[in-house]
PDB file of N, CA and C in Angstrom:
ATOM      1  N   MET A   1       1.002  -0.864   0.238  1.00  0.00           N
ATOM      2  CA  MET A   1       0.381  -0.172   0.272  1.00  0.00           C
ATOM      3  C   MET A   1       0.277   1.443  -0.174  1.00  0.00           C
ATOM      4  N   PRO A   2       0.642   1.703  -1.731  1.00  0.00           N
ATOM      5  CA  PRO A   2       1.375   3.474  -1.010  1.00  0.00           C
ATOM      6  C   PRO A   2       1.454   4.240   0.398  1.00  0.00           C
ATOM      7  N   GLY A   3       2.128   5.258   0.740  1.00  0.00           N
ATOM      8  CA  GLY A   3       2.321   5.619   0.982  1.00  0.00           C
ATOM      9  C   GLY A   3       2.271   7.072   1.114  1.00  0.00           C
ATOM     10  N   LEU A   4       2.877   8.343   2.667  1.00  0.00           N
ATOM     11  CA  LEU A   4       2.469   9.407   2.142  1.00  0.00           C
ATOM     12  C   LEU A   4       4.403   9.450   1.989  1.00  0.00           C
ATOM     13  N   THR A   5       4.439  10.580   0.639  1.00  0.00           N
ATOM     14  CA  THR A   5       5.750  10.902  -0.389  1.00  0.00           C
ATOM     15  C   THR A   5       5.378  12.800   0.350  1.00  0.00           C
ATOM     16  N   TRP A   6       6.983  13.497   0.044  1.00  0.00           N
ATOM     17  CA  TRP A   6       7.175  14.009  -0.145  1.00  0.00           C
ATOM     18  C   TRP A   6       6.760  15.211  -0.669  1.00  0.00           C
ATOM     19  N   ASN A   7       6.272  14.678  -1.973  1.00  0.00           N
ATOM     20  CA  ASN A   7       5.605  15.169  -3.019  1.00  0.00           C
ATOM     21  C   ASN A   7       4.207  15.873  -3.098  1.00  0.00           C
ATOM     22  N   GLN A   8       3.787  15.120  -1.809  1.00  0.00           N
ATOM     23  CA  GLN A   8       1.807  14.603  -1.694  1.00  0.00           C
ATOM     24  C   GLN A   8       1.909  16.385  -0.179  1.00  0.00           C
ATOM     25  N   THR A   9       2.531  17.070  -0.041  1.00  0.00           N
ATOM     26  CA  THR A   9       1.764  18.541   0.335  1.00  0.00           C
ATOM     27  C   THR A   9       0.675  18.505   1.148  1.00  0.00           C
ATOM     28  N   GLU A  10      -0.336  19.486  -0.191  1.00  0.00           N
ATOM     29  CA  GLU A  10      -1.476  19.334   1.022  1.00  0.00           C
ATOM     30  C   GLU A  10      -2.172  17.804   1.338  1.00  0.00           C
ATOM     31  N   ASP A  11      -1.917  16.264   1.292  1.00  0.00           N
ATOM     32  CA  ASP A  11      -1.696  15.245   2.297  1.00  0.00           C
ATOM     33  C   ASP A  11      -0.854  15.305   3.752  1.00  0.00           C
ATOM     34  N   ILE A  12      -0.077  15.594   3.153  1.00  0.00           N
ATOM     35  CA  ILE A  12       0.382  15.560   4.295  1.00  0.00           C
ATOM     36  C   ILE A  12       0.915  16.953   5.164  1.00  0.00           C
ATOM     37  N   ALA A  13       0.311  17.934   5.269  1.00  0.00           N
ATOM     38  CA  ALA A  13      -0.514  18.921   6.144  1.00  0.00           C
ATOM     39  C   ALA A  13      -1.878  18.545   6.860  1.00  0.00           C
ATOM     40  N   LEU A  14      -2.975  17.363   5.929  1.00  0.00           N
ATOM     41  CA  LEU A  14      -4.604  16.803   6.269  1.00  0.00           C
ATOM     42  C   LEU A  14      -3.287  16.117   7.233  1.00  0.00           C
ATOM     43  N   SER A  15      -2.722  15.454   7.053  1.00  0.00           N
ATOM     44  CA  SER A  15      -1.936  14.319   8.195  1.00  0.00           C
ATOM     45  C   SER A  15      -1.892  14.859   9.659  1.00  0.00           C
ATOM     46  N   LEU A  16      -1.004  15.669   9.479  1.00  0.00           N
ATOM     47  CA  LEU A  16      -1.187  16.601  10.854  1.00  0.00           C
ATOM     48  C   LEU A  16      -1.005  17.573  11.273  1.00  0.00           C
ATOM     49  N   TYR A  17      -2.245  17.797  10.095  1.00  0.00           N
ATOM     50  CA  TYR A  17      -4.149  18.739  11.317  1.00  0.00           C
ATOM     51  C   TYR A  17      -4.053  17.841  11.801  1.00  0.00           C
ATOM     52  N   GLU A  18      -4.712  16.673  11.367  1.00  0.00           N
ATOM     53  CA  GLU A  18      -5.260  15.529  11.934  1.00  0.00           C
ATOM     54  C   GLU A  18      -4.812  15.050  13.391  1.00  0.00           C
ATOM     55  N   ALA A  19      -3.683  15.324  13.185  1.00  0.00           N
ATOM     56  CA  ALA A  19      -2.262  14.761  13.694  1.00  0.00           C
ATOM     57  C   ALA A  19      -1.979  15.486  15.477  1.00  0.00           C
ATOM     58  N   HIS A  20      -1.976  16.639  14.631  1.00  0.00           N
ATOM     59  CA  HIS A  20      -1.706  17.513  16.218  1.00  0.00           C
ATOM     60  C   HIS A  20      -3.050  18.749  16.211  1.00  0.00           C
ATOM     61  N   PRO A  21      -3.981  18.010  16.705  1.00  0.00           N
ATOM     62  CA  PRO A  21      -4.957  19.845  16.549  1.00  0.00           C
ATOM     63  C   PRO A  21      -4.880  20.220  18.047  1.00  0.00           C
ATOM     64  N   GLY A  22      -4.642  21.639  17.626  1.00  0.00           N
ATOM     65  CA  GLY A  22      -4.398  22.639  18.253  1.00  0.00           C
ATOM     66  C   GLY A  22      -3.378  23.270  18.983  1.00  0.00           C
ATOM     67  N   TYR A  23      -2.746  22.618  17.531  1.00  0.00           N
ATOM     68  CA  TYR A  23      -1.034  23.210  17.440  1.00  0.00           C
ATOM     69  C   TYR A  23      -1.182  23.425  16.210  1.00  0.00           C
ATOM     70  N   ASP A  24       0.318  24.549  16.529  1.00  0.00           N
ATOM     71  CA  ASP A  24      -0.034  26.279  16.409  1.00  0.00           C
ATOM     72  C   ASP A  24       1.308  26.667  14.782  1.00  0.00           C
ATOM     73  N   PRO A  25       1.481  25.821  14.006  1.00  0.00           N
ATOM     74  CA  PRO A  25       2.088  25.497  12.965  1.00  0.00           C
ATOM     75  C   PRO A  25       2.844  26.937  12.740  1.00  0.00           C
ATOM     76  N   THR A  26       2.809  28.294  12.965  1.00  0.00           N
ATOM     77  CA  THR A  26       3.211  28.967  12.247  1.00  0.00           C
ATOM     78  C   THR A  26       5.127  29.728  12.826  1.00  0.00           C
ATOM     79  N   HIS A  27       5.155  28.768  14.037  1.00  0.00           N
ATOM     80  CA  HIS A  27       7.231  29.121  14.226  1.00  0.00           C
ATOM     81  C   HIS A  27       7.920  28.284  14.688  1.00  0.00           C
ATOM     82  N   ILE A  28       7.561  26.609  13.924  1.00  0.00           N
ATOM     83  CA  ILE A  28       7.353  25.762  14.453  1.00  0.00           C
ATOM     84  C   ILE A  28       8.789  25.446  12.847  1.00  0.00           C
ATOM     85  N   ARG A  29      10.351  25.279  14.060  1.00  0.00           N
ATOM     86  CA  ARG A  29      11.660  25.009  13.274  1.00  0.00           C
ATOM     87  C   ARG A  29      11.271  23.359  12.095  1.00  0.00           C
ATOM     88  N   TYR A  30      12.351  23.512  11.149  1.00  0.00           N
ATOM     89  CA  TYR A  30      11.983  22.420  10.539  1.00  0.00           C
ATOM     90  C   TYR A  30      12.699  20.802  10.671  1.00  0.00           C
ATOM     91  N   THR A  31      13.518  21.736  11.502  1.00  0.00           N
ATOM     92  CA  THR A  31      13.971  20.189  12.352  1.00  0.00           C
ATOM     93  C   THR A  31      12.873  19.136  13.088  1.00  0.00           C
ATOM     94  N   ASP A  32      12.540  20.159  13.635  1.00  0.00           N
ATOM     95  CA  ASP A  32      10.522  19.300  13.816  1.00  0.00           C
ATOM     96  C   ASP A  32       9.873  19.313  13.705  1.00  0.00           C
ATOM     97  N   LEU A  33       9.500  19.861  12.535  1.00  0.00           N
ATOM     98  CA  LEU A  33       8.460  19.465  11.394  1.00  0.00           C
ATOM     99  C   LEU A  33       8.792  18.717  10.337  1.00  0.00           C
ATOM    100  N   HIS A  34      10.139  18.517  10.738  1.00  0.00           N
ATOM    101  CA  HIS A  34      10.701  16.772   9.480  1.00  0.00           C
ATOM    102  C   HIS A  34      10.930  16.309  10.811  1.00  0.00           C
ATOM    103  N   LYS A  35      10.745  16.113  11.649  1.00  0.00           N
ATOM    104  CA  LYS A  35      10.792  14.850  12.750  1.00  0.00           C
ATOM    105  C   LYS A  35       8.941  14.622  12.724  1.00  0.00           C
ATOM    106  N   MET A  36       8.027  15.352  13.022  1.00  0.00           N
ATOM    107  CA  MET A  36       6.609  15.400  13.443  1.00  0.00           C
ATOM    108  C   MET A  36       6.319  14.784  11.953  1.00  0.00           C
ATOM    109  N   ILE A  37       6.413  14.721  10.485  1.00  0.00           N
ATOM    110  CA  ILE A  37       6.548  14.030   9.162  1.00  0.00           C
ATOM    111  C   ILE A  37       6.908  12.679   9.547  1.00  0.00           C
ATOM    112  N   THR A  38       8.492  12.930   9.596  1.00  0.00           N
ATOM    113  CA  THR A  38       7.684  11.180   9.360  1.00  0.00           C
ATOM    114  C   THR A  38       8.069  10.459  10.452  1.00  0.00           C
ATOM    115  N   ALA A  39       7.044  11.321  11.963  1.00  0.00           N
ATOM    116  CA  ALA A  39       6.897  10.163  12.506  1.00  0.00           C
ATOM    117  C   ALA A  39       5.127   9.692  12.593  1.00  0.00           C
ATOM    118  N   LEU A  40       4.783  10.873  11.222  1.00  0.00           N
ATOM    119  CA  LEU A  40       2.701  10.311  10.416  1.00  0.00           C
ATOM    120  C   LEU A  40       2.748   8.191  10.133  1.00  0.00           C
ATOM    121  N   PRO A  41       1.893   7.779  10.746  1.00  0.00           N
ATOM    122  CA  PRO A  41       2.028   6.384  10.504  1.00  0.00           C
ATOM    123  C   PRO A  41       2.424   6.470   8.895  1.00  0.00           C
ATOM    124  N   ASP A  42       1.143   7.029   8.115  1.00  0.00           N
ATOM    125  CA  ASP A  42       1.604   6.936   6.974  1.00  0.00           C
ATOM    126  C   ASP A  42       2.845   7.010   5.524  1.00  0.00           C
ATOM    127  N   PHE A  43       3.198   7.461   6.337  1.00  0.00           N
ATOM    128  CA  PHE A  43       5.177   8.387   6.039  1.00  0.00           C
ATOM    129  C   PHE A  43       5.675   7.639   5.122  1.00  0.00           C
ATOM    130  N   LYS A  44       6.099   7.443   3.871  1.00  0.00           N
ATOM    131  CA  LYS A  44       6.945   6.552   3.398  1.00  0.00           C
ATOM    132  C   LYS A  44       7.986   6.685   3.302  1.00  0.00           C
ATOM    133  N   ASP A  45       8.046   7.435   2.728  1.00  0.00           N
ATOM    134  CA  ASP A  45       9.522   7.711   2.368  1.00  0.00           C
ATOM    135  C   ASP A  45      10.743   8.321   2.387  1.00  0.00           C
ATOM    136  N   ASP A  46      11.460   8.625   1.778  1.00  0.00           N
ATOM    137  CA  ASP A  46      13.085   8.920   2.629  1.00  0.00           C
ATOM    138  C   ASP A  46      12.796  10.356   3.291  1.00  0.00           C
ATOM    139  N   PRO A  47      13.255   9.460   4.506  1.00  0.00           N
ATOM    140  CA  PRO A  47      12.961  10.895   5.685  1.00  0.00           C
ATOM    141  C   PRO A  47      14.616  11.711   4.664  1.00  0.00           C
ATOM    142  N   MET A  48      15.338  11.341   4.218  1.00  0.00           N
ATOM    143  CA  MET A  48      17.109  12.280   3.911  1.00  0.00           C
ATOM    144  C   MET A  48      15.902  12.756   2.720  1.00  0.00           C
ATOM    145  N   ALA A  49      15.266  12.350   1.699  1.00  0.00           N
ATOM    146  CA  ALA A  49      14.530  12.864   0.663  1.00  0.00           C
ATOM    147  C   ALA A  49      14.675  14.867   0.761  1.00  0.00           C
ATOM    148  N   SER A  50      14.189  15.511   2.144  1.00  0.00           N
ATOM    149  CA  SER A  50      13.462  16.028   2.337  1.00  0.00           C
ATOM    150  C   SER A  50      14.269  17.638   1.677  1.00  0.00           C
ATOM    151  N   THR A  51      13.320  18.500   1.601  1.00  0.00           N
ATOM    152  CA  THR A  51      14.313  20.198   1.638  1.00  0.00           C
ATOM    153  C   THR A  51      13.973  21.281   1.948  1.00  0.00           C
ATOM    154  N   GLU A  52      13.830  22.184   2.584  1.00  0.00           N
ATOM    155  CA  GLU A  52      13.464  22.780   3.274  1.00  0.00           C
ATOM    156  C   GLU A  52      12.804  23.630   1.925  1.00  0.00           C
ATOM    157  N   GLY A  53      12.612  23.490   0.510  1.00  0.00           N
ATOM    158  CA  GLY A  53      11.265  24.546   0.347  1.00  0.00           C
ATOM    159  C   GLY A  53      10.012  23.049   0.285  1.00  0.00           C
ATOM    160  N   LYS A  54      10.656  22.000  -0.048  1.00  0.00           N
ATOM    161  CA  LYS A  54       9.633  21.549   0.857  1.00  0.00           C
ATOM    162  C   LYS A  54       8.860  21.160   2.346  1.00  0.00           C
ATOM    163  N   LEU A  55       9.545  21.580   3.250  1.00  0.00           N
ATOM    164  CA  LEU A  55       9.329  21.493   4.854  1.00  0.00           C
ATOM    165  C   LEU A  55       7.924  23.170   3.833  1.00  0.00           C
ATOM    166  N   GLU A  56       8.538  24.217   3.846  1.00  0.00           N
ATOM    167  CA  GLU A  56       8.453  25.017   3.671  1.00  0.00           C
ATOM    168  C   GLU A  56       6.385  25.120   3.359  1.00  0.00           C
ATOM    169  N   ALA A  57       7.470  24.295   2.441  1.00  0.00           N
ATOM    170  CA  ALA A  57       5.176  24.555   1.669  1.00  0.00           C
ATOM    171  C   ALA A  57       4.663  23.304   2.188  1.00  0.00           C
ATOM    172  N   ILE A  58       4.675  22.877   2.925  1.00  0.00           N
ATOM    173  CA  ILE A  58       4.385  21.532   4.050  1.00  0.00           C
ATOM    174  C   ILE A  58       4.002  22.856   4.524  1.00  0.00           C
ATOM    175  N   GLN A  59       4.336  23.475   5.316  1.00  0.00           N
ATOM    176  CA  GLN A  59       4.302  23.715   6.717  1.00  0.00           C
ATOM    177  C   GLN A  59       3.161  25.261   6.394  1.00  0.00           C
ATOM    178  N   MET A  60       3.750  26.009   5.366  1.00  0.00           N
ATOM    179  CA  MET A  60       2.502  26.725   4.548  1.00  0.00           C
ATOM    180  C   MET A  60       0.808  26.308   4.518  1.00  0.00           C
ATOM    181  N   ALA A  61       0.814  24.970   3.767  1.00  0.00           N
ATOM    182  CA  ALA A  61      -0.326  23.828   3.593  1.00  0.00           C
ATOM    183  C   ALA A  61      -1.144  24.048   4.252  1.00  0.00           C
ATOM    184  N   TRP A  62      -0.636  23.661   6.392  1.00  0.00           N
ATOM    185  CA  TRP A  62      -0.992  23.467   6.882  1.00  0.00           C
ATOM    186  C   TRP A  62      -1.371  24.105   8.116  1.00  0.00           C
ATOM    187  N   ILE A  63      -0.934  25.511   7.744  1.00  0.00           N
ATOM    188  CA  ILE A  63      -1.209  26.671   8.250  1.00  0.00           C
ATOM    189  C   ILE A  63      -2.342  27.160   7.187  1.00  0.00           C
ATOM    190  N   GLU A  64      -2.803  26.899   6.040  1.00  0.00           N
ATOM    191  CA  GLU A  64      -3.955  26.907   5.507  1.00  0.00           C
ATOM    192  C   GLU A  64      -5.196  25.761   5.878  1.00  0.00           C
ATOM    193  N   GLU A  65      -4.179  24.606   6.281  1.00  0.00           N
ATOM    194  CA  GLU A  65      -5.708  23.418   6.356  1.00  0.00           C
ATOM    195  C   GLU A  65      -6.184  24.127   7.864  1.00  0.00           C
ATOM    196  N   ILE A  66      -5.443  24.893   8.849  1.00  0.00           N
ATOM    197  CA  ILE A  66      -5.893  25.356  10.110  1.00  0.00           C
ATOM    198  C   ILE A  66      -6.938  26.029   9.653  1.00  0.00           C
ATOM    199  N   GLN A  67      -6.654  27.092   8.968  1.00  0.00           N
ATOM    200  CA  GLN A  67      -7.572  28.546   8.392  1.00  0.00           C
ATOM    201  C   GLN A  67      -8.459  28.073   8.173  1.00  0.00           C
ATOM    202  N   ASP A  68      -8.494  26.847   6.710  1.00  0.00           N
ATOM    203  CA  ASP A  68     -10.030  27.049   6.158  1.00  0.00           C
ATOM    204  C   ASP A  68     -10.702  26.161   7.388  1.00  0.00           C
ATOM    205  N   ASN A  69     -10.525  25.419   8.544  1.00  0.00           N
ATOM    206  CA  ASN A  69     -11.009  25.138   9.031  1.00  0.00           C
ATOM    207  C   ASN A  69     -12.042  25.350   9.755  1.00  0.00           C
ATOM    208  N   GLN A  70     -11.223  26.671  10.471  1.00  0.00           N
ATOM    209  CA  GLN A  70     -11.856  28.311  11.005  1.00  0.00           C
ATOM    210  C   GLN A  70     -12.820  28.619  10.703  1.00  0.00           C
ATOM    211  N   ASP A  71     -12.725  28.215   9.594  1.00  0.00           N
ATOM    212  CA  ASP A  71     -14.454  28.783   8.596  1.00  0.00           C
ATOM    213  C   ASP A  71     -15.378  28.368   9.013  1.00  0.00           C
TER     214      ASP A  71
END
């Protein structure tokens, strides 16, 4: 069964939103974000394949997910 990969920004953001309700990702360190992503049960990609750009995109998508669910 395929799992989440670094390129699935929106899916990872949704998984983070569901796994960490109430968490504010606006000031998260990328090292902490990386740990949270790789700890997701469905994450199956190479942990070393992340980049700062991918982490930033996931962080922004997570923030958007929170904002979308506040409306």
